[in-house]
Amino acid sequence: VLKGNLTALMDDVYPLTKAEVSRLYDQTHLLSRLVNDLHELSQAEARQLPLNWQDVDLAQLVLEQSAAFSPLLEERGVQLKLDVPTTLKKIHADPARIAQILGNLVMNANAHTPVDGTITVRVISGTDVVMLSVADTGEGIPAEHLSHVFDRFYRTDRSRTRSTGGAGLGLTIVRALTELHGGSVAVASEGIPGRGSVFTVRLPLVQPHGI
């Protein structure tokens, strides 16, 4: 897009205007984000991404991050529901990376949830794990796509472009960051519009040796 537009400007196909410069700038922003995401993903998959390990109150983190998401979702008419316990054992993790996992999952849900839909964030504590789930009331994911949703650049909706549907790396980064914390992530969906999908991240309360 950048190369084509710049060539057209140099050939005087259309005049250089502030609006056109703004569009070109937006494309550089998308390209920069893609490069940064790929670099971060490569580091995470190679287990070379530095983490700031802390004792994290996941319930508090979810509440704080959800307050940041709410205005964006409300603007689209999407309701955000929280199901978070008042007391929860802390996990040993990088709070910024856990916030990134949550953010990617919520933004993915937002991209597939229609106006007047609902996104529900839940935190459930188990014996040795804590589960963070993000459910939506979107179109759902067909069965043949479920095993690929965490693949790089994969989109279940082929009509979505990078400008409207992201680079296709958000869920891949979620998986890489989750595994870097010694956890796992899974998706469940009936593939029925309105019933949406549920992404569940499982994080250990006590980190395994060597993580």
Protein backbone atom coordinates (compact mmCIF):
# COMPACT_ATOMS: atom_id res chain seq x y z
CA VAL A 1 0.00 0.00 0.00
CA LEU A 2 2.75 2.42 0.92
CA LYS A 3 4.79 1.71 -2.20
CA GLY A 4 1.79 2.01 -4.50
CA ASN A 5 0.53 5.24 -2.99
CA LEU A 6 3.97 6.85 -2.92
CA THR A 7 4.58 5.88 -6.56
CA ALA A 8 1.22 7.38 -7.51
CA LEU A 9 2.11 10.62 -5.73
CA MET A 10 5.51 10.84 -7.44
CA ASP A 11 3.86 10.22 -10.82
CA ASP A 12 1.27 12.94 -10.12
CA VAL A 13 -1.56 10.44 -10.39
CA TYR A 14 -3.21 12.35 -7.56
CA PRO A 15 -2.16 15.41 -5.55
CA LEU A 16 -0.33 15.30 -2.24
CA THR A 17 -2.87 16.32 0.38
CA LYS A 18 -2.99 16.25 4.14
CA ALA A 19 -5.63 13.52 3.98
CA GLU A 20 -3.36 11.35 1.82
CA VAL A 21 -0.41 11.90 4.15
CA SER A 22 -2.64 10.85 7.04
CA ARG A 23 -3.56 7.61 5.23
CA LEU A 24 0.10 6.87 4.52
CA TYR A 25 0.94 7.53 8.16
CA ASP A 26 -1.71 5.05 9.25
CA GLN A 27 -0.08 2.43 7.02
CA THR A 28 3.33 3.04 8.61
CA HIS A 29 1.70 2.56 12.00
CA LEU A 30 0.29 -0.82 10.93
CA LEU A 31 3.65 -1.86 9.50
CA SER A 32 5.48 -0.81 12.66
CA ARG A 33 3.03 -2.76 14.81
CA LEU A 34 3.47 -5.86 12.65
CA VAL A 35 7.27 -5.69 12.91
CA ASN A 36 7.13 -5.18 16.69
CA ASP A 37 4.67 -8.04 17.13
CA LEU A 38 6.83 -10.40 15.08
CA HIS A 39 9.95 -9.44 17.03
CA GLU A 40 8.17 -9.92 20.36
CA LEU A 41 6.67 -13.22 19.24
CA SER A 42 10.04 -14.54 18.09
CA GLN A 43 11.58 -13.66 21.46
CA ALA A 44 8.73 -15.29 23.37
CA GLU A 45 8.81 -18.50 21.33
CA ALA A 46 12.59 -18.70 21.80
CA ARG A 47 12.07 -18.06 25.54
CA GLN A 48 14.32 -15.02 25.29
CA LEU A 49 11.69 -12.42 26.16
CA PRO A 50 12.66 -10.87 29.51
CA LEU A 51 9.94 -11.07 32.15
CA ASN A 52 9.48 -8.93 35.23
CA TRP A 53 8.45 -11.66 37.67
CA GLN A 54 6.22 -10.51 40.53
CA ASP A 55 3.49 -11.85 42.80
CA VAL A 56 0.40 -10.74 40.90
CA ASP A 57 -3.16 -10.36 42.13
CA LEU A 58 -4.91 -11.51 38.96
CA ALA A 59 -8.35 -10.40 40.16
CA GLN A 60 -7.14 -6.84 40.74
CA LEU A 61 -5.30 -6.81 37.41
CA VAL A 62 -8.46 -7.88 35.56
CA LEU A 63 -10.52 -5.18 37.28
CA GLU A 64 -7.98 -2.48 36.43
CA GLN A 65 -7.59 -3.54 32.80
CA SER A 66 -11.34 -3.90 32.31
CA ALA A 67 -11.81 -0.28 33.36
CA ALA A 68 -9.54 0.67 30.47
CA PHE A 69 -11.43 -1.52 27.96
CA SER A 70 -14.92 -0.37 28.92
CA PRO A 71 -15.02 2.98 27.03
CA LEU A 72 -13.99 1.35 23.75
CA LEU A 73 -16.54 -1.44 24.12
CA GLU A 74 -19.30 0.92 25.21
CA GLU A 75 -18.67 3.03 22.13
CA ARG A 76 -19.58 0.00 20.01
CA GLY A 77 -22.52 -0.93 22.21
CA VAL A 78 -20.79 -4.06 23.52
CA GLN A 79 -21.33 -4.88 27.18
CA LEU A 80 -18.42 -6.06 29.31
CA LYS A 81 -19.32 -8.39 32.17
CA LEU A 82 -16.93 -9.48 34.92
CA ASP A 83 -17.03 -12.60 37.05
CA VAL A 84 -14.06 -12.15 39.34
CA PRO A 85 -13.70 -13.47 42.91
CA THR A 86 -13.00 -10.99 45.68
CA THR A 87 -10.18 -13.14 47.05
CA LEU A 88 -7.71 -15.07 44.95
CA LYS A 89 -4.29 -16.61 45.46
CA LYS A 90 -1.54 -14.66 43.74
CA ILE A 91 0.34 -15.98 40.74
CA HIS A 92 4.02 -15.45 40.01
CA ALA A 93 4.06 -13.64 36.67
CA ASP A 94 4.90 -10.53 34.69
CA PRO A 95 1.86 -8.26 35.23
CA ALA A 96 2.44 -6.33 31.99
CA ARG A 97 2.49 -9.55 29.96
CA ILE A 98 -0.59 -10.93 31.69
CA ALA A 99 -2.34 -7.64 30.94
CA GLN A 100 -1.24 -8.05 27.32
CA ILE A 101 -2.74 -11.55 27.21
CA LEU A 102 -6.04 -10.24 28.56
CA GLY A 103 -5.99 -7.25 26.22
CA ASN A 104 -5.39 -9.39 23.14
CA LEU A 105 -8.22 -11.74 24.09
CA VAL A 106 -10.68 -8.92 24.77
CA MET A 107 -9.79 -7.11 21.54
CA ASN A 108 -10.15 -10.36 19.61
CA ALA A 109 -13.58 -10.87 21.18
CA ASN A 110 -14.52 -7.29 20.38
CA ALA A 111 -13.60 -7.80 16.72
CA HIS A 112 -16.03 -10.71 16.47
CA THR A 113 -18.86 -9.49 18.69
CA PRO A 114 -21.74 -7.56 17.10
CA VAL A 115 -23.33 -4.39 18.43
CA ASP A 116 -25.43 -5.14 21.55
CA GLY A 117 -23.29 -8.22 22.16
CA THR A 118 -21.56 -9.21 25.39
CA ILE A 119 -18.00 -10.05 26.38
CA THR A 120 -17.57 -11.85 29.70
CA VAL A 121 -14.26 -12.07 31.56
CA ARG A 122 -14.04 -14.71 34.28
CA VAL A 123 -11.36 -15.69 36.75
CA ILE A 124 -11.63 -19.12 38.38
CA SER A 125 -9.21 -20.47 40.97
CA GLY A 126 -8.36 -24.16 40.99
CA THR A 127 -6.18 -26.27 43.26
CA ASP A 128 -2.91 -25.47 41.51
CA VAL A 129 -3.99 -23.23 38.64
CA VAL A 130 -5.97 -20.08 38.03
CA MET A 131 -8.08 -19.83 34.89
CA LEU A 132 -8.74 -16.62 32.99
CA SER A 133 -11.47 -16.89 30.36
CA VAL A 134 -12.87 -14.44 27.82
CA ALA A 135 -16.23 -15.37 26.27
CA ASP A 136 -18.16 -13.50 23.60
CA THR A 137 -21.54 -13.67 21.89
CA GLY A 138 -20.14 -13.35 18.39
CA GLU A 139 -20.40 -15.53 15.32
CA GLY A 140 -18.38 -18.37 16.81
CA ILE A 141 -15.62 -20.38 15.17
CA PRO A 142 -16.36 -23.24 12.76
CA ALA A 143 -14.95 -26.61 13.85
CA GLU A 144 -12.45 -26.76 10.98
CA HIS A 145 -10.81 -23.54 12.17
CA LEU A 146 -10.47 -24.31 15.87
CA SER A 147 -7.11 -26.04 15.59
CA HIS A 148 -5.63 -23.10 13.65
CA VAL A 149 -6.76 -20.00 15.55
CA PHE A 150 -3.41 -19.68 17.35
CA ASP A 151 -1.38 -19.98 14.11
CA ARG A 152 0.48 -16.95 12.81
CA PHE A 153 -1.51 -14.71 10.43
CA TYR A 154 -4.52 -17.03 10.55
CA ARG A 155 -8.00 -15.50 10.15
CA THR A 156 -11.22 -17.46 10.34
CA ASP A 157 -12.85 -14.67 8.33
CA ARG A 158 -10.85 -14.37 5.12
CA SER A 159 -12.62 -11.14 4.21
CA ARG A 160 -10.93 -9.29 7.06
CA THR A 161 -7.88 -7.25 6.08
CA ARG A 162 -4.97 -6.20 8.27
CA SER A 163 -6.40 -2.70 8.48
CA THR A 164 -9.76 -3.96 9.78
CA GLY A 165 -8.88 -7.26 11.40
CA GLY A 166 -5.36 -6.88 12.72
CA ALA A 167 -2.24 -8.70 11.59
CA GLY A 168 -3.40 -12.12 12.75
CA LEU A 169 -0.77 -12.32 15.49
CA GLY A 170 -2.76 -11.42 18.62
CA LEU A 171 -3.79 -14.97 19.52
CA THR A 172 -0.37 -16.36 18.58
CA ILE A 173 1.19 -13.90 21.03
CA VAL A 174 -1.34 -14.96 23.68
CA ARG A 175 -0.24 -18.58 23.33
CA ALA A 176 3.48 -17.72 23.37
CA LEU A 177 3.21 -15.50 26.46
CA THR A 178 1.01 -18.02 28.26
CA GLU A 179 3.46 -20.85 27.62
CA LEU A 180 6.32 -18.60 28.71
CA HIS A 181 4.53 -18.42 32.08
CA GLY A 182 4.25 -22.21 32.23
CA GLY A 183 0.57 -22.16 31.31
CA SER A 184 -1.67 -23.15 28.42
CA VAL A 185 -4.50 -21.64 26.40
CA ALA A 186 -7.47 -23.30 24.70
CA VAL A 187 -10.51 -22.26 22.70
CA ALA A 188 -14.02 -23.71 22.61
CA SER A 189 -16.82 -22.81 20.22
CA GLU A 190 -19.92 -24.43 18.78
CA GLY A 191 -19.55 -22.38 15.62
CA ILE A 192 -23.08 -21.02 16.08
CA PRO A 193 -23.71 -17.27 15.62
CA GLY A 194 -24.72 -15.68 18.91
CA ARG A 195 -23.06 -18.34 21.05
CA GLY A 196 -19.60 -17.09 20.27
CA SER A 197 -16.34 -18.50 21.56
CA VAL A 198 -14.56 -18.98 24.86
CA PHE A 199 -10.79 -18.61 25.23
CA THR A 200 -9.37 -19.98 28.48
CA VAL A 201 -5.88 -19.34 29.80
CA ARG A 202 -4.60 -21.62 32.56
CA LEU A 203 -1.77 -20.25 34.71
CA PRO A 204 -0.01 -22.16 37.48
CA LEU A 205 -0.22 -20.79 41.01
CA VAL A 206 3.28 -22.14 41.64
CA GLN A 207 5.74 -21.94 38.74
CA PRO A 208 7.27 -25.25 37.59
CA HIS A 209 11.03 -25.62 38.08
CA GLY A 210 12.97 -24.01 35.24
CA ILE A 211 10.30 -21.57 34.05
